[in-house]
Amino acid sequence: MFEVGADTGDVPGEFQYWVEREKLDRVIPLPAAAHDVRANRDGSIIGLVTGTGNSNAAASIMALGCDPRFDLRHSYWLVAGIAGVDPADASLGSAAWAEYVVEGDLAHEIDAREIPAGWPTGFVPLRRNEPYEQPHVAAQDAPGQVYHLDPGLVNWAFDLTKGIALADNEQMAARRAAYTDTPNARRPPFVLKGDAMASSTFWHGKLLNQWANDWVRYFTDGQGNYVMTAMEDTGTLRSLTNLTRAGRVDVRRALVLRTASNYDSQWPGATAAESMSGEKLGVYSAYLPSLEAAYVVGSRVAHALVEGWKEFEDHPPGSAGK
């Protein structure tokens, strides 16, 4: 979703480890997207930086999907990026495979200073009059609000990667030790299944964390569990959904992997502002380890798909959509 400076040889963003380690040396200009495409020698793995935020991601994926130079009808799509993590669920440097991805920007909003007494939040679902009013708007009437990825494919990716040892360091251990009220936040980094909410606003704090949990639970009828906060994933999935209708891609072959660069809320005794002040690009609590986790976990799945292509071209692993 972003890169810092050049694609190789400097401070890495989400793309650099993939470019350098997968030898994505071929540059294919894509002027309609935020970044050129890069590919390895045989074209089995290609990579794209979408740009930050849902609108950039949607535009870049649509540009790639509509480009006649690419036949992507059997391709698999892996979102591999960093995110904020709910300390109730996981720790810094952890990696979560999402089955549900929920849109956090499509909503009504009342400023916090004017929220009616008794409301838990100022965010109200579209076409509703108060928070979490039932029933929520059906998916066909609110396209883009929630995406359910193929559970068989997600489980296959999780099973393939759940035993991977992830990078850890003393700085991460010191930060997670402060989260005395959430045992999962104090664990060394691990791979898990956990759902994502995409919002182009970088939000932070316990109250918004509660909103994210409730929002995801509401729109998934209690099936989803919010773990990672991201910015671009519903934009990516919106484009893949539309491109599927056009016969250009298969959105059932999409995977979303998010790795924890920071906690999404403060530790006991701290304020949200104090916690957020240290979480800026390049100085996130687990910036480099989370980039490493995204590559190490994501590349195992990418390599397995390429190595098993004879089968997986037509039959997605673990998928009910064979």
C-alpha atoms as a PDB file:
ATOM      1  CA  MET A   1       0.000   0.000   0.000  1.00  0.00           C
ATOM      2  CA  PHE A   2       2.949   2.365   0.476  1.00  0.00           C
ATOM      3  CA  GLU A   3       6.665   2.528  -0.145  1.00  0.00           C
ATOM      4  CA  VAL A   4       9.209   4.887   1.409  1.00  0.00           C
ATOM      5  CA  GLY A   5      11.502   6.403  -1.211  1.00  0.00           C
ATOM      6  CA  ALA A   6      12.852   3.935  -3.774  1.00  0.00           C
ATOM      7  CA  ASP A   7      11.684   0.350  -4.214  1.00  0.00           C
ATOM      8  CA  THR A   8      15.111  -0.970  -3.234  1.00  0.00           C
ATOM      9  CA  GLY A   9      18.168  -0.026  -1.233  1.00  0.00           C
ATOM     10  CA  ASP A  10      16.807   2.461   1.302  1.00  0.00           C
ATOM     11  CA  VAL A  11      14.380   2.555   4.242  1.00  0.00           C
ATOM     12  CA  PRO A  12      11.772  -0.089   3.406  1.00  0.00           C
ATOM     13  CA  GLY A  13       8.038   0.301   3.096  1.00  0.00           C
ATOM     14  CA  GLU A  14       5.572  -2.498   2.458  1.00  0.00           C
ATOM     15  CA  PHE A  15       6.966  -3.256  -1.019  1.00  0.00           C
ATOM     16  CA  GLN A  16      10.751  -3.297  -0.653  1.00  0.00           C
ATOM     17  CA  TYR A  17      11.295  -6.728   0.873  1.00  0.00           C
ATOM     18  CA  TRP A  18       9.136  -8.258  -1.860  1.00  0.00           C
ATOM     19  CA  VAL A  19      11.026  -6.452  -4.622  1.00  0.00           C
ATOM     20  CA  GLU A  20      14.449  -7.398  -3.300  1.00  0.00           C
ATOM     21  CA  ARG A  21      13.798 -10.966  -2.130  1.00  0.00           C
ATOM     22  CA  GLU A  22      11.468 -12.079  -4.923  1.00  0.00           C
ATOM     23  CA  LYS A  23      13.658 -10.371  -7.536  1.00  0.00           C
ATOM     24  CA  LEU A  24      10.826  -8.276  -8.946  1.00  0.00           C
ATOM     25  CA  ASP A  25      13.307  -6.685 -11.333  1.00  0.00           C
ATOM     26  CA  ARG A  26      11.048  -6.198 -14.346  1.00  0.00           C
ATOM     27  CA  VAL A  27       9.323  -2.809 -14.257  1.00  0.00           C
ATOM     28  CA  ILE A  28       6.066  -2.573 -16.227  1.00  0.00           C
ATOM     29  CA  PRO A  29       4.821   1.044 -16.425  1.00  0.00           C
ATOM     30  CA  LEU A  30       1.238   1.514 -15.253  1.00  0.00           C
ATOM     31  CA  PRO A  31       0.504   5.256 -15.522  1.00  0.00           C
ATOM     32  CA  ALA A  32      -3.134   4.924 -14.420  1.00  0.00           C
ATOM     33  CA  ALA A  33      -2.091   3.515 -11.021  1.00  0.00           C
ATOM     34  CA  ALA A  34      -0.188   4.959  -8.091  1.00  0.00           C
ATOM     35  CA  HIS A  35       2.908   2.903  -8.898  1.00  0.00           C
ATOM     36  CA  ASP A  36       4.374   0.850 -11.699  1.00  0.00           C
ATOM     37  CA  VAL A  37       4.001  -2.920 -11.635  1.00  0.00           C
ATOM     38  CA  ARG A  38       7.045  -5.036 -10.842  1.00  0.00           C
ATOM     39  CA  ALA A  39       7.408  -8.693 -11.825  1.00  0.00           C
ATOM     40  CA  ASN A  40       9.870 -11.508 -11.413  1.00  0.00           C
ATOM     41  CA  ARG A  41      11.510 -13.058 -14.450  1.00  0.00           C
ATOM     42  CA  ASP A  42       8.789 -15.570 -15.338  1.00  0.00           C
ATOM     43  CA  GLY A  43       5.861 -13.381 -14.283  1.00  0.00           C
ATOM     44  CA  SER A  44       4.658 -15.850 -11.657  1.00  0.00           C
ATOM     45  CA  ILE A  45       4.709 -13.114  -8.998  1.00  0.00           C
ATOM     46  CA  ILE A  46       3.895  -9.492  -9.710  1.00  0.00           C
ATOM     47  CA  GLY A  47       3.651  -6.663  -7.211  1.00  0.00           C
ATOM     48  CA  LEU A  48       1.955  -3.281  -7.054  1.00  0.00           C
ATOM     49  CA  VAL A  49       1.906  -0.438  -4.544  1.00  0.00           C
ATOM     50  CA  THR A  50      -1.698   0.775  -4.448  1.00  0.00           C
ATOM     51  CA  GLY A  51      -1.146   4.097  -2.684  1.00  0.00           C
ATOM     52  CA  THR A  52      -2.469   4.967   0.763  1.00  0.00           C
ATOM     53  CA  GLY A  53      -6.193   5.001   1.529  1.00  0.00           C
ATOM     54  CA  ASN A  54      -9.235   3.325   0.034  1.00  0.00           C
ATOM     55  CA  SER A  55      -9.619   5.639  -2.958  1.00  0.00           C
ATOM     56  CA  ASN A  56      -6.015   5.144  -4.090  1.00  0.00           C
ATOM     57  CA  ALA A  57      -6.247   1.382  -3.614  1.00  0.00           C
ATOM     58  CA  ALA A  58      -9.486   1.110  -5.572  1.00  0.00           C
ATOM     59  CA  ALA A  59      -8.112   3.191  -8.431  1.00  0.00           C
ATOM     60  CA  SER A  60      -4.807   1.316  -8.658  1.00  0.00           C
ATOM     61  CA  ILE A  61      -6.357  -2.155  -8.574  1.00  0.00           C
ATOM     62  CA  MET A  62      -8.920  -1.130 -11.165  1.00  0.00           C
ATOM     63  CA  ALA A  63      -6.132   0.217 -13.383  1.00  0.00           C
ATOM     64  CA  LEU A  64      -4.261  -3.075 -13.150  1.00  0.00           C
ATOM     65  CA  GLY A  65      -7.363  -5.209 -13.582  1.00  0.00           C
ATOM     66  CA  CYS A  66      -8.486  -3.388 -16.725  1.00  0.00           C
ATOM     67  CA  ASP A  67      -5.078  -3.300 -18.401  1.00  0.00           C
ATOM     68  CA  PRO A  68      -5.218  -5.571 -21.480  1.00  0.00           C
ATOM     69  CA  ARG A  69      -1.552  -6.558 -21.047  1.00  0.00           C
ATOM     70  CA  PHE A  70      -2.463  -8.701 -18.031  1.00  0.00           C
ATOM     71  CA  ASP A  71      -4.540 -11.871 -17.962  1.00  0.00           C
ATOM     72  CA  LEU A  72      -5.541 -12.104 -14.290  1.00  0.00           C
ATOM     73  CA  ARG A  73      -8.534 -14.415 -14.556  1.00  0.00           C
ATOM     74  CA  HIS A  74      -6.823 -17.172 -12.527  1.00  0.00           C
ATOM     75  CA  SER A  75      -4.561 -14.968 -10.430  1.00  0.00           C
ATOM     76  CA  TYR A  76      -4.483 -14.926  -6.641  1.00  0.00           C
ATOM     77  CA  TRP A  77      -4.429 -11.593  -4.841  1.00  0.00           C
ATOM     78  CA  LEU A  78      -2.530 -11.061  -1.619  1.00  0.00           C
ATOM     79  CA  VAL A  79      -2.838  -7.850   0.373  1.00  0.00           C
ATOM     80  CA  ALA A  80       0.284  -7.807   2.560  1.00  0.00           C
ATOM     81  CA  GLY A  81       0.593  -4.741   4.750  1.00  0.00           C
ATOM     82  CA  ILE A  82       1.030  -3.380   8.245  1.00  0.00           C
ATOM     83  CA  ALA A  83      -1.731  -2.228  10.581  1.00  0.00           C
ATOM     84  CA  GLY A  84      -2.760  -1.331  14.101  1.00  0.00           C
ATOM     85  CA  VAL A  85      -3.767  -4.278  16.263  1.00  0.00           C
ATOM     86  CA  ASP A  86      -6.376  -4.701  18.970  1.00  0.00           C
ATOM     87  CA  PRO A  87      -4.371  -5.512  22.132  1.00  0.00           C
ATOM     88  CA  ALA A  88      -7.192  -7.794  23.275  1.00  0.00           C
ATOM     89  CA  ASP A  89      -6.391 -10.154  20.407  1.00  0.00           C
ATOM     90  CA  ALA A  90      -2.710 -10.036  19.492  1.00  0.00           C
ATOM     91  CA  SER A  91       0.681  -8.443  20.046  1.00  0.00           C
ATOM     92  CA  LEU A  92       3.119  -6.289  18.148  1.00  0.00           C
ATOM     93  CA  GLY A  93       4.606  -8.029  15.119  1.00  0.00           C
ATOM     94  CA  SER A  94       1.753 -10.553  14.897  1.00  0.00           C
ATOM     95  CA  ALA A  95       0.192 -11.484  11.556  1.00  0.00           C
ATOM     96  CA  ALA A  96      -3.556 -11.949  11.017  1.00  0.00           C
ATOM     97  CA  TRP A  97      -5.398 -13.535   8.104  1.00  0.00           C
ATOM     98  CA  ALA A  98      -8.813 -11.919   7.675  1.00  0.00           C
ATOM     99  CA  GLU A  99     -11.969 -13.749   6.713  1.00  0.00           C
ATOM    100  CA  TYR A 100     -14.130 -10.624   7.014  1.00  0.00           C
ATOM    101  CA  VAL A 101     -13.153  -7.114   5.955  1.00  0.00           C
ATOM    102  CA  VAL A 102     -15.508  -4.317   6.978  1.00  0.00           C
ATOM    103  CA  GLU A 103     -15.692  -0.749   5.671  1.00  0.00           C
ATOM    104  CA  GLY A 104     -15.267   1.860   8.414  1.00  0.00           C
ATOM    105  CA  ASP A 105     -15.857   5.033   6.380  1.00  0.00           C
ATOM    106  CA  LEU A 106     -19.378   4.471   5.028  1.00  0.00           C
ATOM    107  CA  ALA A 107     -21.474   5.883   7.867  1.00  0.00           C
ATOM    108  CA  HIS A 108     -23.320   8.816   9.334  1.00  0.00           C
ATOM    109  CA  GLU A 109     -21.369  10.657  12.043  1.00  0.00           C
ATOM    110  CA  ILE A 110     -22.246  13.061  14.850  1.00  0.00           C
ATOM    111  CA  ASP A 111     -19.399  14.927  16.514  1.00  0.00           C
ATOM    112  CA  ALA A 112     -18.448  13.407  19.867  1.00  0.00           C
ATOM    113  CA  ARG A 113     -19.420  16.641  21.640  1.00  0.00           C
ATOM    114  CA  GLU A 114     -23.003  16.296  20.397  1.00  0.00           C
ATOM    115  CA  ILE A 115     -23.660  12.569  20.810  1.00  0.00           C
ATOM    116  CA  PRO A 116     -27.074  11.982  22.424  1.00  0.00           C
ATOM    117  CA  ALA A 117     -27.019  10.708  25.991  1.00  0.00           C
ATOM    118  CA  GLY A 118     -26.906   6.938  26.054  1.00  0.00           C
ATOM    119  CA  TRP A 119     -25.333   6.487  22.627  1.00  0.00           C
ATOM    120  CA  PRO A 120     -22.082   4.475  22.708  1.00  0.00           C
ATOM    121  CA  THR A 121     -20.692   6.244  19.638  1.00  0.00           C
ATOM    122  CA  GLY A 122     -21.399   9.015  17.154  1.00  0.00           C
ATOM    123  CA  PHE A 123     -21.100   6.642  14.201  1.00  0.00           C
ATOM    124  CA  VAL A 124     -24.420   5.501  12.764  1.00  0.00           C
ATOM    125  CA  PRO A 125     -24.829   2.980   9.928  1.00  0.00           C
ATOM    126  CA  LEU A 126     -26.061   4.375   6.629  1.00  0.00           C
ATOM    127  CA  ARG A 127     -29.869   4.458   6.390  1.00  0.00           C
ATOM    128  CA  ARG A 128     -30.206   3.990  10.136  1.00  0.00           C
ATOM    129  CA  ASN A 129     -31.017   6.536  12.864  1.00  0.00           C
ATOM    130  CA  GLU A 130     -28.951   5.348  15.802  1.00  0.00           C
ATOM    131  CA  PRO A 131     -25.860   3.218  16.419  1.00  0.00           C
ATOM    132  CA  TYR A 132     -26.204  -0.480  15.612  1.00  0.00           C
ATOM    133  CA  GLU A 133     -29.903  -0.218  14.812  1.00  0.00           C
ATOM    134  CA  GLN A 134     -31.281  -3.562  13.673  1.00  0.00           C
ATOM    135  CA  PRO A 135     -31.629  -4.887  11.143  1.00  0.00           C
ATOM    136  CA  HIS A 136     -28.525  -3.582   9.427  1.00  0.00           C
ATOM    137  CA  VAL A 137     -28.819  -2.721   5.760  1.00  0.00           C
ATOM    138  CA  ALA A 138     -28.526  -5.823   3.601  1.00  0.00           C
ATOM    139  CA  ALA A 139     -25.314  -6.271   1.633  1.00  0.00           C
ATOM    140  CA  GLN A 140     -27.073  -5.834  -1.707  1.00  0.00           C
ATOM    141  CA  ASP A 141     -28.411  -2.449  -0.554  1.00  0.00           C
ATOM    142  CA  ALA A 142     -25.078  -1.248   0.840  1.00  0.00           C
ATOM    143  CA  PRO A 143     -22.403  -2.641  -1.493  1.00  0.00           C
ATOM    144  CA  GLY A 144     -18.903  -2.295  -0.150  1.00  0.00           C
ATOM    145  CA  GLN A 145     -19.794  -2.329   3.547  1.00  0.00           C
ATOM    146  CA  VAL A 146     -18.564  -5.863   4.271  1.00  0.00           C
ATOM    147  CA  TYR A 147     -16.610  -8.504   2.372  1.00  0.00           C
ATOM    148  CA  HIS A 148     -16.520 -12.203   3.274  1.00  0.00           C
ATOM    149  CA  LEU A 149     -13.422 -13.850   1.854  1.00  0.00           C
ATOM    150  CA  ASP A 150     -13.433 -17.505   0.877  1.00  0.00           C
ATOM    151  CA  PRO A 151     -13.114 -19.258   4.266  1.00  0.00           C
ATOM    152  CA  GLY A 152     -11.520 -22.383   2.775  1.00  0.00           C
ATOM    153  CA  LEU A 153      -8.746 -20.375   1.149  1.00  0.00           C
ATOM    154  CA  VAL A 154      -8.231 -18.300   4.299  1.00  0.00           C
ATOM    155  CA  ASN A 155      -8.007 -21.411   6.458  1.00  0.00           C
ATOM    156  CA  TRP A 156      -5.558 -22.989   4.033  1.00  0.00           C
ATOM    157  CA  ALA A 157      -3.302 -19.915   4.221  1.00  0.00           C
ATOM    158  CA  PHE A 158      -3.541 -19.852   8.010  1.00  0.00           C
ATOM    159  CA  ASP A 159      -2.772 -23.554   8.374  1.00  0.00           C
ATOM    160  CA  LEU A 160       0.223 -23.154   6.082  1.00  0.00           C
ATOM    161  CA  THR A 161       1.698 -20.301   8.125  1.00  0.00           C
ATOM    162  CA  LYS A 162       0.498 -20.652  11.699  1.00  0.00           C
ATOM    163  CA  GLY A 163       3.757 -22.158  12.919  1.00  0.00           C
ATOM    164  CA  ILE A 164       6.068 -19.503  11.491  1.00  0.00           C
ATOM    165  CA  ALA A 165       8.337 -17.843  14.069  1.00  0.00           C
ATOM    166  CA  LEU A 166       8.040 -14.056  13.755  1.00  0.00           C
ATOM    167  CA  ALA A 167      10.612 -11.369  14.492  1.00  0.00           C
ATOM    168  CA  ASP A 168      10.804 -10.004  18.032  1.00  0.00           C
ATOM    169  CA  ASN A 169      13.074  -7.568  19.861  1.00  0.00           C
ATOM    170  CA  GLU A 170      13.594  -5.836  23.208  1.00  0.00           C
ATOM    171  CA  GLN A 171      11.771  -2.665  22.167  1.00  0.00           C
ATOM    172  CA  MET A 172       8.646  -4.634  21.297  1.00  0.00           C
ATOM    173  CA  ALA A 173       8.868  -6.633  24.527  1.00  0.00           C
ATOM    174  CA  ALA A 174       9.097  -3.427  26.560  1.00  0.00           C
ATOM    175  CA  ARG A 175       6.068  -1.885  24.840  1.00  0.00           C
ATOM    176  CA  ARG A 176       3.884  -4.957  25.143  1.00  0.00           C
ATOM    177  CA  ALA A 177       4.754  -5.354  28.839  1.00  0.00           C
ATOM    178  CA  ALA A 178       2.800  -2.152  29.500  1.00  0.00           C
ATOM    179  CA  TYR A 179      -0.458  -3.801  28.398  1.00  0.00           C
ATOM    180  CA  THR A 180      -1.048  -5.423  31.771  1.00  0.00           C
ATOM    181  CA  ASP A 181      -4.795  -5.914  31.280  1.00  0.00           C
ATOM    182  CA  THR A 182      -4.656  -7.824  27.959  1.00  0.00           C
ATOM    183  CA  PRO A 183      -2.738 -11.136  27.999  1.00  0.00           C
ATOM    184  CA  ASN A 184      -2.683 -11.516  24.209  1.00  0.00           C
ATOM    185  CA  ALA A 185      -0.953  -8.153  23.866  1.00  0.00           C
ATOM    186  CA  ARG A 186       1.939  -9.441  25.994  1.00  0.00           C
ATOM    187  CA  ARG A 187       2.551 -12.596  23.951  1.00  0.00           C
ATOM    188  CA  PRO A 188       5.489 -12.810  21.567  1.00  0.00           C
ATOM    189  CA  PRO A 189       4.282 -12.204  17.981  1.00  0.00           C
ATOM    190  CA  PHE A 190       2.255 -14.999  16.404  1.00  0.00           C
ATOM    191  CA  VAL A 191       0.111 -15.847  13.370  1.00  0.00           C
ATOM    192  CA  LEU A 192      -3.645 -15.886  13.853  1.00  0.00           C
ATOM    193  CA  LYS A 193      -6.957 -15.513  12.075  1.00  0.00           C
ATOM    194  CA  GLY A 194      -8.472 -12.095  12.685  1.00  0.00           C
ATOM    195  CA  ASP A 195     -10.670  -9.709  10.785  1.00  0.00           C
ATOM    196  CA  ALA A 196      -9.902  -6.235   9.503  1.00  0.00           C
ATOM    197  CA  MET A 197     -11.705  -2.921   9.373  1.00  0.00           C
ATOM    198  CA  ALA A 198     -10.628  -0.483   6.678  1.00  0.00           C
ATOM    199  CA  SER A 199     -10.874   3.234   7.334  1.00  0.00           C
ATOM    200  CA  SER A 200      -8.948   5.997   5.601  1.00  0.00           C
ATOM    201  CA  THR A 201      -8.806   7.851   8.917  1.00  0.00           C
ATOM    202  CA  PHE A 202      -5.921   6.815  11.172  1.00  0.00           C
ATOM    203  CA  TRP A 203      -7.888   6.493  14.403  1.00  0.00           C
ATOM    204  CA  HIS A 204      -6.583   5.595  17.852  1.00  0.00           C
ATOM    205  CA  GLY A 205      -7.743   4.944  21.402  1.00  0.00           C
ATOM    206  CA  LYS A 206      -9.841   2.648  23.575  1.00  0.00           C
ATOM    207  CA  LEU A 207     -13.196   4.210  22.686  1.00  0.00           C
ATOM    208  CA  LEU A 208     -12.633   3.926  18.954  1.00  0.00           C
ATOM    209  CA  ASN A 209     -11.292   0.422  19.510  1.00  0.00           C
ATOM    210  CA  GLN A 210     -14.622  -0.459  21.090  1.00  0.00           C
ATOM    211  CA  TRP A 211     -16.433   1.119  18.134  1.00  0.00           C
ATOM    212  CA  ALA A 212     -14.338  -0.962  15.699  1.00  0.00           C
ATOM    213  CA  ASN A 213     -15.151  -4.172  17.552  1.00  0.00           C
ATOM    214  CA  ASP A 214     -18.866  -3.332  17.683  1.00  0.00           C
ATOM    215  CA  TRP A 215     -18.936  -2.154  14.050  1.00  0.00           C
ATOM    216  CA  VAL A 216     -17.377  -5.354  12.732  1.00  0.00           C
ATOM    217  CA  ARG A 217     -19.603  -7.511  14.934  1.00  0.00           C
ATOM    218  CA  TYR A 218     -22.697  -5.610  13.761  1.00  0.00           C
ATOM    219  CA  PHE A 219     -22.033  -5.875  10.040  1.00  0.00           C
ATOM    220  CA  THR A 220     -20.995  -9.543  10.184  1.00  0.00           C
ATOM    221  CA  ASP A 221     -23.962 -10.627  12.327  1.00  0.00           C
ATOM    222  CA  GLY A 222     -21.569 -11.580  15.103  1.00  0.00           C
ATOM    223  CA  GLN A 223     -19.405 -13.787  12.882  1.00  0.00           C
ATOM    224  CA  GLY A 224     -16.437 -11.441  12.581  1.00  0.00           C
ATOM    225  CA  ASN A 225     -13.891 -10.433  15.205  1.00  0.00           C
ATOM    226  CA  TYR A 226     -12.074  -7.152  14.686  1.00  0.00           C
ATOM    227  CA  VAL A 227      -8.297  -7.572  15.094  1.00  0.00           C
ATOM    228  CA  MET A 228      -6.546  -5.255  12.622  1.00  0.00           C
ATOM    229  CA  THR A 229      -7.242  -1.699  11.537  1.00  0.00           C
ATOM    230  CA  ALA A 230      -6.204  -0.976   7.970  1.00  0.00           C
ATOM    231  CA  MET A 231      -6.825   1.762   5.411  1.00  0.00           C
ATOM    232  CA  GLU A 232      -7.096   0.236   1.945  1.00  0.00           C
ATOM    233  CA  ASP A 233      -8.581  -3.237   2.011  1.00  0.00           C
ATOM    234  CA  THR A 234     -12.206  -2.484   1.196  1.00  0.00           C
ATOM    235  CA  GLY A 235     -11.072  -0.308  -1.714  1.00  0.00           C
ATOM    236  CA  THR A 236      -9.035  -3.207  -3.056  1.00  0.00           C
ATOM    237  CA  LEU A 237     -11.895  -5.652  -2.568  1.00  0.00           C
ATOM    238  CA  ARG A 238     -14.422  -3.274  -4.132  1.00  0.00           C
ATOM    239  CA  SER A 239     -12.368  -3.157  -7.324  1.00  0.00           C
ATOM    240  CA  LEU A 240     -11.802  -6.917  -7.326  1.00  0.00           C
ATOM    241  CA  THR A 241     -15.543  -7.456  -6.888  1.00  0.00           C
ATOM    242  CA  ASN A 242     -16.357  -5.194  -9.838  1.00  0.00           C
ATOM    243  CA  LEU A 243     -13.599  -6.747 -11.961  1.00  0.00           C
ATOM    244  CA  THR A 244     -15.008 -10.183 -11.187  1.00  0.00           C
ATOM    245  CA  ARG A 245     -18.355  -9.115 -12.599  1.00  0.00           C
ATOM    246  CA  ALA A 246     -16.491  -7.990 -15.714  1.00  0.00           C
ATOM    247  CA  GLY A 247     -14.795 -11.390 -16.042  1.00  0.00           C
ATOM    248  CA  ARG A 248     -11.320  -9.949 -15.460  1.00  0.00           C
ATOM    249  CA  VAL A 249     -10.464 -11.499 -12.055  1.00  0.00           C
ATOM    250  CA  ASP A 250     -11.871 -13.845  -9.401  1.00  0.00           C
ATOM    251  CA  VAL A 251     -12.364 -12.109  -6.064  1.00  0.00           C
ATOM    252  CA  ARG A 252     -12.741 -15.517  -4.387  1.00  0.00           C
ATOM    253  CA  ARG A 253      -8.965 -15.804  -4.820  1.00  0.00           C
ATOM    254  CA  ALA A 254      -8.235 -12.794  -2.618  1.00  0.00           C
ATOM    255  CA  LEU A 255      -6.383 -12.956   0.704  1.00  0.00           C
ATOM    256  CA  VAL A 256      -5.826 -10.154   3.212  1.00  0.00           C
ATOM    257  CA  LEU A 257      -2.832 -10.370   5.563  1.00  0.00           C
ATOM    258  CA  ARG A 258      -2.202  -7.585   8.043  1.00  0.00           C
ATOM    259  CA  THR A 259       0.713  -7.434  10.486  1.00  0.00           C
ATOM    260  CA  ALA A 260       0.864  -5.384  13.666  1.00  0.00           C
ATOM    261  CA  SER A 261       3.160  -2.374  13.553  1.00  0.00           C
ATOM    262  CA  ASN A 262       1.476  -0.768  16.584  1.00  0.00           C
ATOM    263  CA  TYR A 263      -1.361  -1.174  19.051  1.00  0.00           C
ATOM    264  CA  ASP A 264      -4.540   0.660  18.128  1.00  0.00           C
ATOM    265  CA  SER A 265      -5.108   1.962  21.655  1.00  0.00           C
ATOM    266  CA  GLN A 266      -3.306   2.957  24.816  1.00  0.00           C
ATOM    267  CA  TRP A 267      -1.933   0.877  27.669  1.00  0.00           C
ATOM    268  CA  PRO A 268      -3.366   1.179  31.216  1.00  0.00           C
ATOM    269  CA  GLY A 269      -2.586   4.566  32.730  1.00  0.00           C
ATOM    270  CA  ALA A 270      -1.906   6.297  29.406  1.00  0.00           C
ATOM    271  CA  THR A 271      -4.122   8.520  27.281  1.00  0.00           C
ATOM    272  CA  ALA A 272      -4.956   7.908  23.647  1.00  0.00           C
ATOM    273  CA  ALA A 273      -2.974  11.032  22.697  1.00  0.00           C
ATOM    274  CA  GLU A 274       0.095   9.814  24.570  1.00  0.00           C
ATOM    275  CA  SER A 275      -0.084   6.458  22.845  1.00  0.00           C
ATOM    276  CA  MET A 276      -0.683   7.878  19.375  1.00  0.00           C
ATOM    277  CA  SER A 277       2.145  10.425  19.641  1.00  0.00           C
ATOM    278  CA  GLY A 278       4.728   7.675  19.250  1.00  0.00           C
ATOM    279  CA  GLU A 279       2.999   5.959  16.365  1.00  0.00           C
ATOM    280  CA  LYS A 280       4.164   7.695  13.211  1.00  0.00           C
ATOM    281  CA  LEU A 281       5.409   6.177   9.978  1.00  0.00           C
ATOM    282  CA  GLY A 282       8.913   4.833  10.449  1.00  0.00           C
ATOM    283  CA  VAL A 283       8.767   4.938  14.248  1.00  0.00           C
ATOM    284  CA  TYR A 284       5.860   2.570  14.854  1.00  0.00           C
ATOM    285  CA  SER A 285       6.557   0.320  17.823  1.00  0.00           C
ATOM    286  CA  ALA A 286       7.183  -2.647  15.505  1.00  0.00           C
ATOM    287  CA  TYR A 287       7.683  -1.033  12.103  1.00  0.00           C
ATOM    288  CA  LEU A 288      10.480  -3.177  10.653  1.00  0.00           C
ATOM    289  CA  PRO A 289       9.359  -6.425  12.369  1.00  0.00           C
ATOM    290  CA  SER A 290       5.844  -5.975  10.989  1.00  0.00           C
ATOM    291  CA  LEU A 291       7.219  -5.451   7.470  1.00  0.00           C
ATOM    292  CA  GLU A 292       9.289  -8.599   7.942  1.00  0.00           C
ATOM    293  CA  ALA A 293       6.245 -10.537   9.158  1.00  0.00           C
ATOM    294  CA  ALA A 294       4.185  -9.464   6.147  1.00  0.00           C
ATOM    295  CA  TYR A 295       6.856 -10.784   3.813  1.00  0.00           C
ATOM    296  CA  VAL A 296       7.766 -13.967   5.708  1.00  0.00           C
ATOM    297  CA  VAL A 297       4.147 -15.053   6.190  1.00  0.00           C
ATOM    298  CA  GLY A 298       2.839 -13.800   2.857  1.00  0.00           C
ATOM    299  CA  SER A 299       5.681 -15.224   0.783  1.00  0.00           C
ATOM    300  CA  ARG A 300       5.120 -18.738   2.108  1.00  0.00           C
ATOM    301  CA  VAL A 301       1.603 -18.610   0.673  1.00  0.00           C
ATOM    302  CA  ALA A 302       2.787 -17.020  -2.584  1.00  0.00           C
ATOM    303  CA  HIS A 303       5.458 -19.698  -3.047  1.00  0.00           C
ATOM    304  CA  ALA A 304       2.998 -22.500  -2.289  1.00  0.00           C
ATOM    305  CA  LEU A 305       0.578 -21.178  -4.907  1.00  0.00           C
ATOM    306  CA  VAL A 306       3.305 -20.907  -7.539  1.00  0.00           C
ATOM    307  CA  GLU A 307       4.754 -24.342  -6.744  1.00  0.00           C
ATOM    308  CA  GLY A 308       1.296 -25.920  -6.843  1.00  0.00           C
ATOM    309  CA  TRP A 309       0.122 -23.993  -9.892  1.00  0.00           C
ATOM    310  CA  LYS A 310      -0.654 -27.116 -11.908  1.00  0.00           C
ATOM    311  CA  GLU A 311      -3.486 -27.775  -9.452  1.00  0.00           C
ATOM    312  CA  PHE A 312      -4.221 -24.290  -8.116  1.00  0.00           C
ATOM    313  CA  GLU A 313      -4.687 -22.587 -11.490  1.00  0.00           C
ATOM    314  CA  ASP A 314      -8.110 -24.208 -11.746  1.00  0.00           C
ATOM    315  CA  HIS A 315      -8.771 -25.426  -8.194  1.00  0.00           C
ATOM    316  CA  PRO A 316      -8.129 -22.967  -5.326  1.00  0.00           C
ATOM    317  CA  PRO A 317      -6.684 -24.686  -2.254  1.00  0.00           C
ATOM    318  CA  GLY A 318      -9.255 -25.349   0.441  1.00  0.00           C
ATOM    319  CA  SER A 319     -11.910 -23.441  -1.466  1.00  0.00           C
ATOM    320  CA  ALA A 320     -15.571 -24.322  -1.651  1.00  0.00           C
ATOM    321  CA  GLY A 321     -15.605 -22.516  -4.985  1.00  0.00           C
ATOM    322  CA  LYS A 322     -13.732 -25.244  -6.884  1.00  0.00           C
END
